[in-house]
Each structure stands twice: as C-alpha cells, then as structure tokens.
Amino acid sequence: MTWLLILILVPLAGALVLAFLKGNDRAAVLAALGFSILEFLLVIPFWLSYNASGPRLQMTSSFDWIPSFGVHIAFGVDGIALIMIAVIALLVPIVVGGLGTMDKLPAGRSAGGFLSLILLQEALTIGVFAATDVFLFYVLFEIMLIPMYFLIGGYGGANRQYAAVKFFLYSFLGGLIMLASAIGAYSLAADKLGKGTFDWATLVTVVRDAPLSTQIWLFLGFFLAFAIKAPLVPFHTWLPDAAGEAPIGVAVLLVGILDKVGTFGFLRYCLPMFPDASKALAPLVLVLSVIGVLYGSILAAGQRDMKRFIAYVSIAHFGFISLGIFAFNEQAMVGSATYMLNHSLATGMLIVVIGLVIARGGSSRISDYGGMAKVTPLLAGLFLLAGLSTLSLPGTNSFVSEFLVLIGSFVDQPVYTILATVGMVLAAAYVLWLYQRVFQGPVRGDALVGVGGGPGTAIAPELGAKKAIRDLSGREIAILAPLVVLIIVLGFYPKPVLDTVTPTVQQTLSAVQGGK
C-alpha cells in the first residue's frame, strides 16, 4: 500500500459512505468535510517525502491488470503531478465547506448525493495525474467525466442538460481519438520489443525513435484530447457553457482542476513520447496559444455573466500556459508548470468570491450589481485580491508564473510573446472593469436596490421582499483564508513550488532535445 493508493482510496471511501447518507444533509456535509480534510492532511507528508532531485517518477506502485496485453494498474508522481494533487486536496474541502453558502442545492436534491460525486471526482482526478500506465490513464481520463456530467446535469442552472452533454461529448470524443494513438504506440512497442506494453516509461523510449510521420499522427491523437480538455482555441466551446451552468463548487473543480489535465498531458505525454512531432508542430500550437490569449481576453471583457466571464479568462490563461510549454525553453516551461497551480488558486478563489456575490444577489448577471463595496467591504476586498492575482499583479502568486512564461518564451519565440503580452493589458482592463461594475458606484440594478433603508437593503424581485445584504461570515472567511494565504505567500516566496517542478521540466526538455 503506497501513499498514492491511500490518497485515491480515502475519497473513494468517503464517496461510498456519503452514498448512504442521502437522507441526512448535515451528517453528509460533516462526513464529506472530514474525509476531504483527512485527504489534505495526508498530502502534507506525501509532499514532504517527495525528493525533487530524485528520479522523475516516485512513490510508484504497479499491479497486473490485463497481463496478456501488458496493462497494469500503475501509479507514480513527478513534480508537476505532485502540485496538482496538492491543489485538488486543498480545493475540495473549500467546495464542501461552501455548500449552503456559495451553493444551494436544487429542491429535492440531497447533500449526500452531491458530495459523494465531489469526492468521487477527487479520487478519479488524482488517479489521472498519478497514472503511469497509458491505458489506465485513458480509462480514468474517460471515467472522470461521469461524476462531472452528473454534477453539472443534476445540480446546475437552467441549461444544465445541454451544458453537461456538450462537456461529456467533447471530452469523450477526444479520449477515443487518444485511445487510437495509444494503441498505435502499443503496436510500435510490440514490433520493437516483441510484446506490446502501455507502460509510460517504456513507450517513451520506444515511440521517440519512430519516423516523424508516424510520430505526428500519434501526437495528434493525444494532442487533440488534451487540447479539448485544456481548453485550447478552437476546441474550447464546451467550457463557457459548462462553467456558466455548473454550481459554483463544481465550477471551482472544473476550471481549477479538470482543465489542467490537458496541459499536464502536453508535458507528460506529448513532449516526451513524440519529441520530433512536438517540435515540428510547435508553430501551429503557438499560433493557437496566442489566439487563445487574445480571443479569451476580448470575450471576457464583453461578458454579461460572471460565471461565463471566468470561463473566458481561463481560456486566455491556458493560452499562456501552452505558449510556455511549446516554446521549449526551461524558464518558460517552469512558468507554465507553476501557472497550472497558480491559476487553480487565483481562479478558484475568484469563482468562490463570485459565488458569494451571487448568493447575496441571486443573479450572475453583472448588470444586476453595483456599489456592493458600501455594504460588503470585506467581500469587495477579497474579490479585488482574487482579481489582482488573476491579472498577475506583482506580489501575487500568478506574477512569477506569467513572468517566467514571457521572459522564457521571448528568447526563442519573440513574435508570439509580444502578441501574448497584449493579453496582460486586456487582463487589467477586464478584471478592474468587472470589479468597478459590481462593487463601485451607487447601489443599483435588479438584484441590489436600495429600498427604503437605503444602501445595504436588497430586494429579491421575484418575491418583492426586502432582505439584508451582509458581509462575509466567519464560515466564509475560513473558506477563503487558505487561498488568501497561498496567493500572498507564493507571490513573495515561490521557491518551494519552483524547486519541485524544475527537475521534472528539465527531464521533459531533455527528452525533447534528445529526439532526432
């Protein structure tokens, strides 16, 4: 029994327990919170036991699954997988703790069912980041769509069914194409070694020697699956619908965690396994990355819905991440790897704060708000902090990542980098504009209107009844506190994360440069 297996089994056990607590919402919330906090506490010694200067894959375990086809249940982590597992373990307790404040379940839906799907999603996503057998990775890549499908389709907004089906079909189709490439890599191993295998480390040594034309076809199968998941323009259209209809806690996991499987796949699979194809097709990916930065930024500025705003901001950020990856520069790639973590923290906090705004106003439309800083100054301040981290202000966690991406990419790809920097200017515009419209000026709009009592009194239009708009409660402060601390601490002291991911990036670049 290894640490990784324990980290996968704990949330699975929690999901099973919660499945039997559907009639008791309070017990379900307490049980889910207990399992998720236990998972986070287990991650701490797991992180401390990782040796950044050691081999790429650590805490490994392997068991025969389908021996006749060389398939194993095999897990292991590198520095990039480690930071993503850590951020999953951090965000899930926040999502659980926010149930009832930033999220309220539809009538007739139990907390036990919702939270069991959350913990199941956590276990499967950790498995995806930890899998070292390519076939196992594919299976988990597809299975993890199921709980997210039910979370969006069962607990989301008015168009939840459309959004859930679109999310599922896009990702499922990409996974099937990836499976075809994985089978092609298996066949290459069978021709060269006399028997097929799906072991990642073995395939890296076998497939990298294949002719360029073969590599390109196999690369495209993996790349398409990951580009959809990332999401990279033009494969992004599922995200605004899914994020716009998902409950706030589900959106935190969707935008903060699941999207990173795509960029993680670029680093773990596309580059080491297909180095020559990666270099040959890099210009195409760089073009798509820059388009994503500019397109996402422009559309974010024009959004009328706060949840869809988050989706387009993330599309722009993933453009930066893929730019750093396919620049094939150590600084840029380290920036991209850390950007994956920092985007999860900054965007996760921004989604939570937006959820708290929506919980008070009853609407996600930006035009329904104004002047909330007069009534909720603490909420306004934390919204601004999350926004400043999102636009990568110096002193916040995201700045180091974006700076490394741009300074590293400029060395080898100056044109693409200069174009991408326009996204930085647009980020300042759309984040500050959103803050200004929601929190500054007079209290106004349909959801927040001074009635009789003046600012601080709100009216729910559908009820025609007054209600007080309050600032953050102690519970809400506790939910946000870990994210606030990490955003500030990593803004001034990013060394622990940089030291963790840099050796993995160096090994990835060494594999790419060792191609033909």
Protein backbone atom coordinates (compact mmCIF):
# COMPACT_ATOMS: atom_id res chain seq x y z
CA MET A 1 0.00 0.00 0.00
CA THR A 2 1.62 3.23 -1.16
CA TRP A 3 0.85 6.86 -0.39
CA LEU A 4 -0.72 7.30 -3.81
CA LEU A 5 -3.10 4.38 -3.37
CA ILE A 6 -4.12 5.76 0.03
CA LEU A 7 -4.75 9.19 -1.48
CA ILE A 8 -7.02 7.62 -4.10
CA LEU A 9 -8.82 5.29 -1.71
CA VAL A 10 -9.64 7.85 1.00
CA PRO A 11 -12.02 9.98 -1.13
CA LEU A 12 -13.40 6.80 -2.71
CA ALA A 13 -14.27 5.52 0.76
CA GLY A 14 -15.80 8.89 1.55
CA ALA A 15 -17.94 8.77 -1.59
CA LEU A 16 -19.19 5.31 -0.60
CA VAL A 17 -20.07 6.44 2.92
CA LEU A 18 -21.91 9.52 1.64
CA ALA A 19 -23.96 7.41 -0.74
CA PHE A 20 -25.70 6.01 2.36
CA LEU A 21 -26.28 9.42 3.95
CA LYS A 22 -28.71 10.84 1.40
CA GLY A 23 -31.41 11.42 3.99
CA ASN A 24 -29.27 13.42 6.43
CA ASP A 25 -27.73 16.52 4.86
CA ARG A 26 -25.95 17.71 8.00
CA ALA A 27 -24.28 14.34 8.57
CA ALA A 28 -23.34 14.18 4.89
CA VAL A 29 -21.66 17.59 4.98
CA LEU A 30 -19.74 16.75 8.17
CA ALA A 31 -18.64 13.38 6.78
CA ALA A 32 -17.53 14.89 3.46
CA LEU A 33 -15.66 17.64 5.27
CA GLY A 34 -13.95 15.05 7.47
CA PHE A 35 -12.83 12.90 4.53
CA SER A 36 -11.67 15.90 2.49
CA ILE A 37 -9.67 17.39 5.37
CA LEU A 38 -8.13 13.98 6.06
CA GLU A 39 -7.09 13.82 2.42
CA PHE A 40 -5.47 17.25 2.67
CA LEU A 41 -3.59 16.26 5.83
CA LEU A 42 -2.31 13.11 4.10
CA VAL A 43 -0.99 15.19 1.21
CA ILE A 44 1.34 17.13 3.52
CA PRO A 45 3.67 14.19 4.39
CA PHE A 46 3.24 12.98 0.80
CA TRP A 47 4.69 16.29 -0.43
CA LEU A 48 7.45 16.27 2.19
CA SER A 49 8.53 12.74 1.23
CA TYR A 50 8.95 13.71 -2.43
CA ASN A 51 12.59 14.11 -3.45
CA ALA A 52 12.79 16.77 -6.16
CA SER A 53 16.33 15.73 -7.09
CA GLY A 54 15.41 12.05 -7.37
CA PRO A 55 14.01 10.08 -10.32
CA ARG A 56 11.13 11.57 -12.31
CA LEU A 57 8.54 9.05 -11.12
CA GLN A 58 8.37 8.46 -7.38
CA MET A 59 6.02 6.73 -4.91
CA THR A 60 5.44 4.17 -7.65
CA SER A 61 3.29 1.04 -7.44
CA SER A 62 2.24 -1.44 -10.10
CA PHE A 63 -0.16 -4.38 -10.21
CA ASP A 64 -1.09 -6.65 -13.09
CA TRP A 65 -4.48 -5.81 -14.56
CA ILE A 66 -4.63 -7.40 -18.04
CA PRO A 67 -1.28 -9.23 -18.30
CA SER A 68 -1.91 -10.60 -21.78
CA PHE A 69 -2.00 -7.02 -23.11
CA GLY A 70 0.70 -5.61 -20.86
CA VAL A 71 -1.77 -3.46 -18.92
CA HIS A 72 -1.07 -2.57 -15.29
CA ILE A 73 -2.66 -0.58 -12.52
CA ALA A 74 0.41 1.59 -12.11
CA PHE A 75 0.82 4.90 -10.32
CA GLY A 76 3.64 7.36 -9.67
CA VAL A 77 4.15 11.10 -9.45
CA ASP A 78 6.57 13.68 -10.77
CA GLY A 79 6.85 17.27 -9.56
CA ILE A 80 4.06 18.56 -11.77
CA ALA A 81 1.62 15.80 -10.80
CA LEU A 82 2.50 16.41 -7.16
CA ILE A 83 1.49 20.08 -7.16
CA MET A 84 -1.76 19.28 -8.95
CA ILE A 85 -2.66 16.56 -6.45
CA ALA A 86 -1.90 19.02 -3.64
CA VAL A 87 -4.18 21.70 -5.08
CA ILE A 88 -7.01 19.16 -5.55
CA ALA A 89 -6.71 18.23 -1.89
CA LEU A 90 -6.87 21.93 -0.97
CA LEU A 91 -9.85 22.90 -3.13
CA VAL A 92 -12.19 20.02 -2.29
CA PRO A 93 -12.60 20.97 1.42
CA ILE A 94 -13.31 24.53 0.27
CA VAL A 95 -16.01 23.27 -2.08
CA VAL A 96 -17.52 21.08 0.64
CA GLY A 97 -17.37 23.88 3.21
CA GLY A 98 -19.07 26.27 0.80
CA LEU A 99 -22.17 24.11 0.36
CA GLY A 100 -25.06 26.12 1.73
CA THR A 101 -23.28 29.46 1.39
CA MET A 102 -21.97 29.85 -2.16
CA ASP A 103 -24.01 26.85 -3.36
CA LYS A 104 -27.55 25.82 -2.58
CA LEU A 105 -28.85 22.51 -3.89
CA PRO A 106 -31.98 22.30 -6.06
CA ALA A 107 -35.17 21.28 -4.29
CA GLY A 108 -35.36 17.56 -3.76
CA ARG A 109 -31.62 17.02 -4.11
CA SER A 110 -29.65 15.67 -1.15
CA ALA A 111 -26.25 16.85 0.03
CA GLY A 112 -25.12 13.22 0.29
CA GLY A 113 -25.55 12.59 -3.42
CA PHE A 114 -23.87 15.85 -4.41
CA LEU A 115 -20.90 15.45 -2.08
CA SER A 116 -20.37 11.77 -2.92
CA LEU A 117 -19.92 12.83 -6.55
CA ILE A 118 -17.46 15.54 -5.45
CA LEU A 119 -15.31 13.02 -3.56
CA LEU A 120 -15.54 10.52 -6.42
CA GLN A 121 -14.37 13.28 -8.78
CA GLU A 122 -11.43 13.98 -6.46
CA ALA A 123 -10.34 10.32 -6.38
CA LEU A 124 -10.57 9.87 -10.16
CA THR A 125 -8.73 13.11 -10.90
CA ILE A 126 -5.89 12.19 -8.57
CA GLY A 127 -5.75 8.86 -10.37
CA VAL A 128 -5.44 10.62 -13.74
CA PHE A 129 -2.49 12.71 -12.56
CA ALA A 130 -0.84 9.69 -10.95
CA ALA A 131 -1.35 7.02 -13.64
CA THR A 132 1.84 5.73 -15.26
CA ASP A 133 0.18 3.14 -17.50
CA VAL A 134 -1.15 4.81 -20.64
CA PHE A 135 -4.19 2.54 -20.90
CA LEU A 136 -5.05 3.15 -17.24
CA PHE A 137 -4.65 6.88 -17.87
CA TYR A 138 -7.11 6.65 -20.77
CA VAL A 139 -9.65 4.71 -18.69
CA LEU A 140 -9.50 7.21 -15.83
CA PHE A 141 -9.49 10.11 -18.32
CA GLU A 142 -12.87 8.92 -19.60
CA ILE A 143 -14.39 7.72 -16.31
CA MET A 144 -13.72 11.02 -14.56
CA LEU A 145 -16.20 12.61 -16.98
CA ILE A 146 -19.07 10.70 -15.39
CA PRO A 147 -19.28 12.38 -11.96
CA MET A 148 -18.72 15.81 -13.56
CA TYR A 149 -21.52 15.08 -16.05
CA PHE A 150 -23.95 14.33 -13.21
CA LEU A 151 -22.73 17.29 -11.12
CA ILE A 152 -23.44 19.70 -13.98
CA GLY A 153 -26.54 17.97 -15.35
CA GLY A 154 -28.15 17.27 -11.99
CA TYR A 155 -27.31 20.35 -9.96
CA GLY A 156 -26.64 23.14 -12.49
CA GLY A 157 -28.62 26.00 -13.99
CA ALA A 158 -31.49 26.17 -16.42
CA ASN A 159 -29.48 24.86 -19.41
CA ARG A 160 -27.60 22.27 -17.37
CA GLN A 161 -28.52 19.27 -19.53
CA TYR A 162 -27.23 20.90 -22.71
CA ALA A 163 -24.02 22.00 -20.99
CA ALA A 164 -23.44 18.59 -19.40
CA VAL A 165 -23.96 16.67 -22.65
CA LYS A 166 -21.72 19.07 -24.59
CA PHE A 167 -18.97 18.76 -21.97
CA PHE A 168 -19.21 14.97 -21.98
CA LEU A 169 -19.28 14.50 -25.75
CA TYR A 170 -16.35 16.83 -26.44
CA SER A 171 -14.10 15.17 -23.86
CA PHE A 172 -15.26 11.63 -24.62
CA LEU A 173 -14.59 12.04 -28.34
CA GLY A 174 -11.13 13.41 -27.61
CA GLY A 175 -10.44 10.44 -25.37
CA LEU A 176 -11.42 7.95 -28.07
CA ILE A 177 -9.00 9.59 -30.51
CA MET A 178 -6.30 9.41 -27.85
CA LEU A 179 -7.03 5.71 -27.41
CA ALA A 180 -6.37 5.14 -31.11
CA SER A 181 -2.95 6.80 -30.72
CA ALA A 182 -2.24 4.79 -27.57
CA ILE A 183 -2.96 1.58 -29.48
CA GLY A 184 -0.60 2.79 -32.22
CA ALA A 185 2.14 3.32 -29.61
CA TYR A 186 1.40 -0.15 -28.21
CA SER A 187 1.88 -1.64 -31.70
CA LEU A 188 5.23 0.13 -32.10
CA ALA A 189 6.35 -1.37 -28.79
CA ALA A 190 5.19 -4.82 -29.92
CA ASP A 191 7.19 -4.52 -33.16
CA LYS A 192 10.35 -3.38 -31.41
CA LEU A 193 10.25 -5.36 -28.16
CA GLY A 194 8.40 -8.46 -29.27
CA LYS A 195 5.48 -7.72 -26.95
CA GLY A 196 3.20 -4.76 -26.50
CA THR A 197 3.11 -2.57 -23.41
CA PHE A 198 1.31 0.52 -22.16
CA ASP A 199 3.98 1.38 -19.60
CA TRP A 200 4.69 5.10 -19.95
CA ALA A 201 8.43 4.93 -19.34
CA THR A 202 8.86 2.11 -21.85
CA LEU A 203 6.76 3.83 -24.51
CA VAL A 204 8.83 7.00 -24.15
CA THR A 205 11.96 5.08 -25.14
CA VAL A 206 10.21 3.23 -27.99
CA VAL A 207 7.98 5.79 -29.68
CA ARG A 208 10.54 8.59 -29.69
CA ASP A 209 12.56 6.61 -32.26
CA ALA A 210 9.64 6.25 -34.68
CA PRO A 211 9.70 8.10 -38.04
CA LEU A 212 8.50 11.69 -37.96
CA SER A 213 5.35 10.95 -39.98
CA THR A 214 4.35 8.21 -37.53
CA GLN A 215 5.07 10.45 -34.56
CA ILE A 216 2.94 13.24 -35.99
CA TRP A 217 -0.13 11.02 -36.40
CA LEU A 218 0.24 9.58 -32.90
CA PHE A 219 0.98 13.03 -31.44
CA LEU A 220 -2.18 14.46 -32.98
CA GLY A 221 -4.35 11.84 -31.27
CA PHE A 222 -3.02 12.72 -27.83
CA PHE A 223 -2.84 16.44 -28.58
CA LEU A 224 -6.48 16.70 -29.66
CA ALA A 225 -7.70 15.06 -26.46
CA PHE A 226 -5.59 17.38 -24.34
CA ALA A 227 -6.38 20.50 -26.40
CA ILE A 228 -10.10 19.86 -25.83
CA LYS A 229 -9.55 19.37 -22.12
CA ALA A 230 -7.20 22.36 -21.73
CA PRO A 231 -9.25 24.05 -23.45
CA LEU A 232 -7.25 25.43 -26.36
CA VAL A 233 -8.93 27.50 -29.07
CA PRO A 234 -10.77 26.34 -31.23
CA PHE A 235 -11.63 23.32 -29.04
CA HIS A 236 -12.86 25.46 -26.16
CA THR A 237 -16.57 25.98 -26.83
CA TRP A 238 -17.76 23.50 -24.21
CA LEU A 239 -16.19 25.44 -21.32
CA PRO A 240 -18.31 28.64 -21.26
CA ASP A 241 -21.49 26.56 -21.29
CA ALA A 242 -20.26 24.10 -18.65
CA ALA A 243 -18.83 26.76 -16.33
CA GLY A 244 -21.85 29.01 -16.82
CA GLU A 245 -24.34 26.30 -15.83
CA ALA A 246 -22.33 24.42 -13.19
CA PRO A 247 -22.85 25.09 -9.47
CA ILE A 248 -20.11 27.29 -8.03
CA GLY A 249 -18.30 24.48 -6.22
CA VAL A 250 -18.38 22.32 -9.34
CA ALA A 251 -17.05 25.24 -11.41
CA VAL A 252 -14.13 25.51 -8.97
CA LEU A 253 -13.16 21.90 -9.73
CA LEU A 254 -13.96 22.13 -13.43
CA VAL A 255 -11.98 25.31 -14.17
CA GLY A 256 -9.45 24.95 -11.38
CA ILE A 257 -8.55 21.27 -11.74
CA LEU A 258 -10.00 19.28 -14.64
CA ASP A 259 -8.76 21.71 -17.27
CA LYS A 260 -5.20 21.14 -16.07
CA VAL A 261 -5.36 17.52 -17.23
CA GLY A 262 -4.92 18.93 -20.75
CA THR A 263 -1.77 20.94 -20.09
CA PHE A 264 -0.46 18.16 -17.85
CA GLY A 265 -0.96 15.77 -20.77
CA PHE A 266 1.14 18.02 -23.02
CA LEU A 267 4.02 17.80 -20.54
CA ARG A 268 3.70 14.13 -19.55
CA TYR A 269 2.72 12.52 -22.85
CA CYS A 270 3.01 14.70 -25.95
CA LEU A 271 6.52 16.09 -25.47
CA PRO A 272 8.47 13.08 -24.08
CA MET A 273 6.77 10.46 -26.25
CA PHE A 274 6.72 12.42 -29.52
CA PRO A 275 9.66 14.88 -29.35
CA ASP A 276 10.14 15.28 -33.10
CA ALA A 277 6.43 15.75 -33.76
CA SER A 278 6.21 18.24 -30.88
CA LYS A 279 8.96 20.36 -32.42
CA ALA A 280 7.53 20.07 -35.93
CA LEU A 281 4.02 21.13 -34.90
CA ALA A 282 5.06 23.69 -32.27
CA PRO A 283 4.42 26.69 -34.58
CA LEU A 284 0.81 25.60 -35.03
CA VAL A 285 0.33 25.24 -31.27
CA LEU A 286 1.94 28.62 -30.64
CA VAL A 287 -0.45 30.27 -33.08
CA LEU A 288 -3.42 28.66 -31.32
CA SER A 289 -1.99 29.72 -27.95
CA VAL A 290 -1.70 33.39 -28.92
CA ILE A 291 -5.16 33.33 -30.48
CA GLY A 292 -6.46 31.87 -27.22
CA VAL A 293 -4.84 34.64 -25.15
CA LEU A 294 -6.30 37.42 -27.28
CA TYR A 295 -9.66 35.80 -28.02
CA GLY A 296 -10.29 34.81 -24.39
CA SER A 297 -9.30 38.26 -23.14
CA ILE A 298 -11.52 40.15 -25.60
CA LEU A 299 -14.55 37.96 -24.94
CA ALA A 300 -14.01 38.10 -21.18
CA ALA A 301 -14.23 41.90 -21.35
CA GLY A 302 -17.56 41.68 -23.14
CA GLN A 303 -19.30 39.15 -20.89
CA ARG A 304 -22.56 39.96 -19.13
CA ASP A 305 -22.48 36.87 -16.89
CA MET A 306 -19.85 36.49 -14.16
CA LYS A 307 -19.57 32.72 -14.45
CA ARG A 308 -19.02 32.84 -18.21
CA PHE A 309 -16.54 35.64 -17.58
CA ILE A 310 -14.44 33.15 -15.58
CA ALA A 311 -14.53 30.66 -18.45
CA TYR A 312 -13.11 33.13 -20.99
CA VAL A 313 -10.48 34.37 -18.53
CA SER A 314 -9.34 30.76 -18.16
CA ILE A 315 -9.18 30.30 -21.94
CA ALA A 316 -6.79 33.26 -22.07
CA HIS A 317 -4.67 31.85 -19.25
CA PHE A 318 -4.41 28.45 -20.89
CA GLY A 319 -3.07 30.23 -23.94
CA PHE A 320 -0.21 31.49 -21.78
CA ILE A 321 0.39 28.01 -20.35
CA SER A 322 0.57 26.30 -23.75
CA LEU A 323 2.76 29.12 -25.08
CA GLY A 324 5.31 28.40 -22.36
CA ILE A 325 5.18 24.66 -22.93
CA PHE A 326 5.73 24.75 -26.68
CA ALA A 327 8.41 27.44 -26.55
CA PHE A 328 10.78 24.63 -25.43
CA ASN A 329 12.59 26.94 -23.04
CA GLU A 330 13.28 25.91 -19.43
CA GLN A 331 12.19 29.21 -17.88
CA ALA A 332 9.02 29.31 -19.94
CA MET A 333 8.13 25.69 -19.21
CA VAL A 334 8.75 26.11 -15.48
CA GLY A 335 6.47 29.15 -15.67
CA SER A 336 3.77 27.08 -17.39
CA ALA A 337 4.03 24.27 -14.84
CA THR A 338 3.70 26.67 -11.91
CA TYR A 339 0.98 28.58 -13.76
CA MET A 340 -1.13 25.44 -13.56
CA LEU A 341 -1.02 25.63 -9.77
CA ASN A 342 -1.34 29.38 -9.51
CA HIS A 343 -4.25 29.54 -11.93
CA SER A 344 -6.05 26.97 -9.77
CA LEU A 345 -5.54 29.12 -6.68
CA ALA A 346 -6.36 32.51 -8.23
CA THR A 347 -9.28 31.37 -10.38
CA GLY A 348 -10.55 29.07 -7.65
CA MET A 349 -10.71 32.00 -5.24
CA LEU A 350 -12.31 34.26 -7.84
CA ILE A 351 -15.02 31.68 -8.54
CA VAL A 352 -15.71 31.25 -4.82
CA VAL A 353 -15.99 35.02 -4.31
CA ILE A 354 -18.27 35.33 -7.33
CA GLY A 355 -20.36 32.55 -5.83
CA LEU A 356 -20.69 34.52 -2.59
CA VAL A 357 -21.77 37.58 -4.58
CA ILE A 358 -24.38 35.54 -6.46
CA ALA A 359 -25.61 34.01 -3.20
CA ARG A 360 -26.31 37.53 -1.92
CA GLY A 361 -27.81 39.00 -5.07
CA GLY A 362 -29.50 35.97 -6.55
CA SER A 363 -28.16 36.62 -10.06
CA SER A 364 -24.98 36.01 -12.03
CA ARG A 365 -25.61 38.94 -14.38
CA ILE A 366 -23.08 41.72 -13.94
CA SER A 367 -25.66 44.42 -14.64
CA ASP A 368 -27.66 43.33 -11.60
CA TYR A 369 -25.00 44.65 -9.25
CA GLY A 370 -23.33 47.89 -8.25
CA GLY A 371 -21.93 49.54 -5.17
CA MET A 372 -21.59 46.35 -3.13
CA ALA A 373 -18.36 47.62 -1.55
CA LYS A 374 -20.51 50.03 0.50
CA VAL A 375 -22.32 47.10 2.06
CA THR A 376 -19.78 44.27 1.93
CA PRO A 377 -16.30 45.86 2.14
CA LEU A 378 -14.54 42.64 3.15
CA LEU A 379 -16.09 40.70 0.28
CA ALA A 380 -15.11 43.52 -2.06
CA GLY A 381 -11.53 43.47 -0.82
CA LEU A 382 -11.16 39.73 -1.30
CA PHE A 383 -12.79 39.96 -4.72
CA LEU A 384 -10.18 42.57 -5.64
CA LEU A 385 -7.34 40.38 -4.31
CA ALA A 386 -8.54 37.41 -6.38
CA GLY A 387 -8.86 39.66 -9.42
CA LEU A 388 -5.36 41.11 -8.96
CA SER A 389 -3.94 37.60 -8.72
CA THR A 390 -5.84 36.69 -11.88
CA LEU A 391 -4.24 39.59 -13.77
CA SER A 392 -0.81 38.59 -12.33
CA LEU A 393 -0.07 41.68 -10.28
CA PRO A 394 3.47 41.64 -8.81
CA GLY A 395 3.27 40.38 -5.25
CA THR A 396 0.60 37.82 -6.05
CA ASN A 397 1.22 34.16 -6.84
CA SER A 398 0.45 34.32 -10.57
CA PHE A 399 3.00 37.02 -11.35
CA VAL A 400 6.04 34.75 -11.11
CA SER A 401 4.49 32.17 -13.44
CA GLU A 402 3.42 34.66 -16.10
CA PHE A 403 6.74 36.49 -15.91
CA LEU A 404 8.69 33.25 -16.43
CA VAL A 405 6.48 32.26 -19.36
CA LEU A 406 7.01 35.59 -21.11
CA ILE A 407 10.72 36.07 -20.38
CA GLY A 408 11.48 32.48 -21.35
CA SER A 409 9.33 32.43 -24.48
CA PHE A 410 10.77 35.72 -25.71
CA VAL A 411 14.22 34.15 -26.10
CA ASP A 412 13.12 31.74 -28.84
CA GLN A 413 9.66 32.99 -29.84
CA PRO A 414 9.74 36.81 -29.63
CA VAL A 415 6.86 37.46 -32.06
CA TYR A 416 4.41 35.15 -30.31
CA THR A 417 5.48 36.52 -26.94
CA ILE A 418 4.98 40.14 -27.91
CA LEU A 419 1.49 39.35 -29.20
CA ALA A 420 0.67 37.48 -26.00
CA THR A 421 1.68 40.45 -23.83
CA VAL A 422 -1.34 42.30 -25.21
CA GLY A 423 -3.33 39.84 -23.12
CA MET A 424 -1.72 41.25 -19.99
CA VAL A 425 -3.07 44.71 -20.78
CA LEU A 426 -6.51 43.31 -21.56
CA ALA A 427 -6.46 41.33 -18.29
CA ALA A 428 -6.03 44.51 -16.28
CA ALA A 429 -8.92 46.05 -18.19
CA TYR A 430 -11.44 43.23 -17.83
CA VAL A 431 -10.68 42.41 -14.20
CA LEU A 432 -10.81 46.01 -12.97
CA TRP A 433 -13.86 46.73 -15.10
CA LEU A 434 -15.70 43.79 -13.53
CA TYR A 435 -14.73 44.96 -10.05
CA GLN A 436 -15.84 48.52 -10.83
CA ARG A 437 -19.23 47.44 -12.18
CA VAL A 438 -20.04 45.09 -9.30
CA PHE A 439 -18.59 46.87 -6.27
CA GLN A 440 -18.21 50.57 -7.05
CA GLY A 441 -20.68 53.37 -7.74
CA PRO A 442 -24.20 53.59 -6.31
CA VAL A 443 -26.09 50.52 -5.18
CA ARG A 444 -28.11 49.69 -8.26
CA GLY A 445 -29.58 47.02 -10.52
CA ASP A 446 -32.31 44.44 -10.24
CA ALA A 447 -30.69 42.28 -7.58
CA LEU A 448 -29.33 45.05 -5.34
CA VAL A 449 -31.57 48.07 -4.97
CA GLY A 450 -31.79 50.48 -2.06
CA VAL A 451 -35.38 50.30 -0.86
CA GLY A 452 -36.48 52.48 1.99
CA GLY A 453 -33.49 51.64 4.16
CA GLY A 454 -31.05 52.86 1.52
CA PRO A 455 -27.79 51.10 0.63
CA GLY A 456 -27.46 47.74 2.28
CA THR A 457 -31.06 46.76 1.74
CA ALA A 458 -31.76 44.44 -1.15
CA ILE A 459 -34.91 43.30 -2.82
CA ALA A 460 -35.48 39.90 -4.38
CA PRO A 461 -37.53 40.92 -7.45
CA GLU A 462 -39.33 37.62 -7.78
CA LEU A 463 -40.54 37.85 -4.18
CA GLY A 464 -40.85 41.58 -3.83
CA ALA A 465 -39.47 41.30 -0.31
CA LYS A 466 -36.61 43.10 1.38
CA LYS A 467 -33.57 41.29 2.76
CA ALA A 468 -30.31 42.48 4.28
CA ILE A 469 -27.08 42.11 2.34
CA ARG A 470 -24.41 41.09 4.83
CA ASP A 471 -20.64 40.95 4.62
CA LEU A 472 -18.66 37.71 4.93
CA SER A 473 -19.50 35.37 7.78
CA GLY A 474 -16.89 33.55 9.85
CA ARG A 475 -17.51 30.38 7.87
CA GLU A 476 -16.97 32.17 4.57
CA ILE A 477 -13.77 33.78 5.84
CA ALA A 478 -12.50 30.34 6.87
CA ILE A 479 -13.23 29.00 3.37
CA LEU A 480 -11.27 31.79 1.70
CA ALA A 481 -8.42 32.09 4.21
CA PRO A 482 -6.20 29.27 2.81
CA LEU A 483 -6.41 30.72 -0.70
CA VAL A 484 -5.63 34.23 0.54
CA VAL A 485 -2.57 32.98 2.42
CA LEU A 486 -1.23 30.99 -0.54
CA ILE A 487 -1.80 33.80 -3.03
CA ILE A 488 0.23 36.18 -0.90
CA VAL A 489 2.91 33.75 0.33
CA LEU A 490 3.62 32.28 -3.12
CA GLY A 491 3.69 35.80 -4.51
CA PHE A 492 6.72 36.61 -2.39
CA TYR A 493 8.20 33.14 -1.84
CA PRO A 494 7.53 30.76 -4.77
CA LYS A 495 10.73 28.76 -4.20
CA PRO A 496 9.12 25.55 -2.81
CA VAL A 497 6.94 25.18 -5.92
CA LEU A 498 9.72 26.17 -8.34
CA ASP A 499 12.12 23.68 -6.73
CA THR A 500 9.51 20.93 -7.04
CA VAL A 501 8.66 21.36 -10.72
CA THR A 502 12.04 22.44 -12.17
CA PRO A 503 13.69 18.97 -12.22
CA THR A 504 10.63 17.49 -13.94
CA VAL A 505 10.71 20.27 -16.54
CA GLN A 506 14.43 19.68 -17.11
CA GLN A 507 13.80 15.97 -17.67
CA THR A 508 10.98 16.77 -20.11
CA LEU A 509 13.18 19.17 -22.08
CA SER A 510 16.00 16.64 -22.10
CA ALA A 511 13.61 14.11 -23.64
CA VAL A 512 12.53 16.61 -26.32
CA GLN A 513 16.09 17.65 -27.15
CA GLY A 514 17.11 14.02 -27.36
CA GLY A 515 14.80 13.48 -30.34
CA LYS A 516 16.11 13.03 -33.83
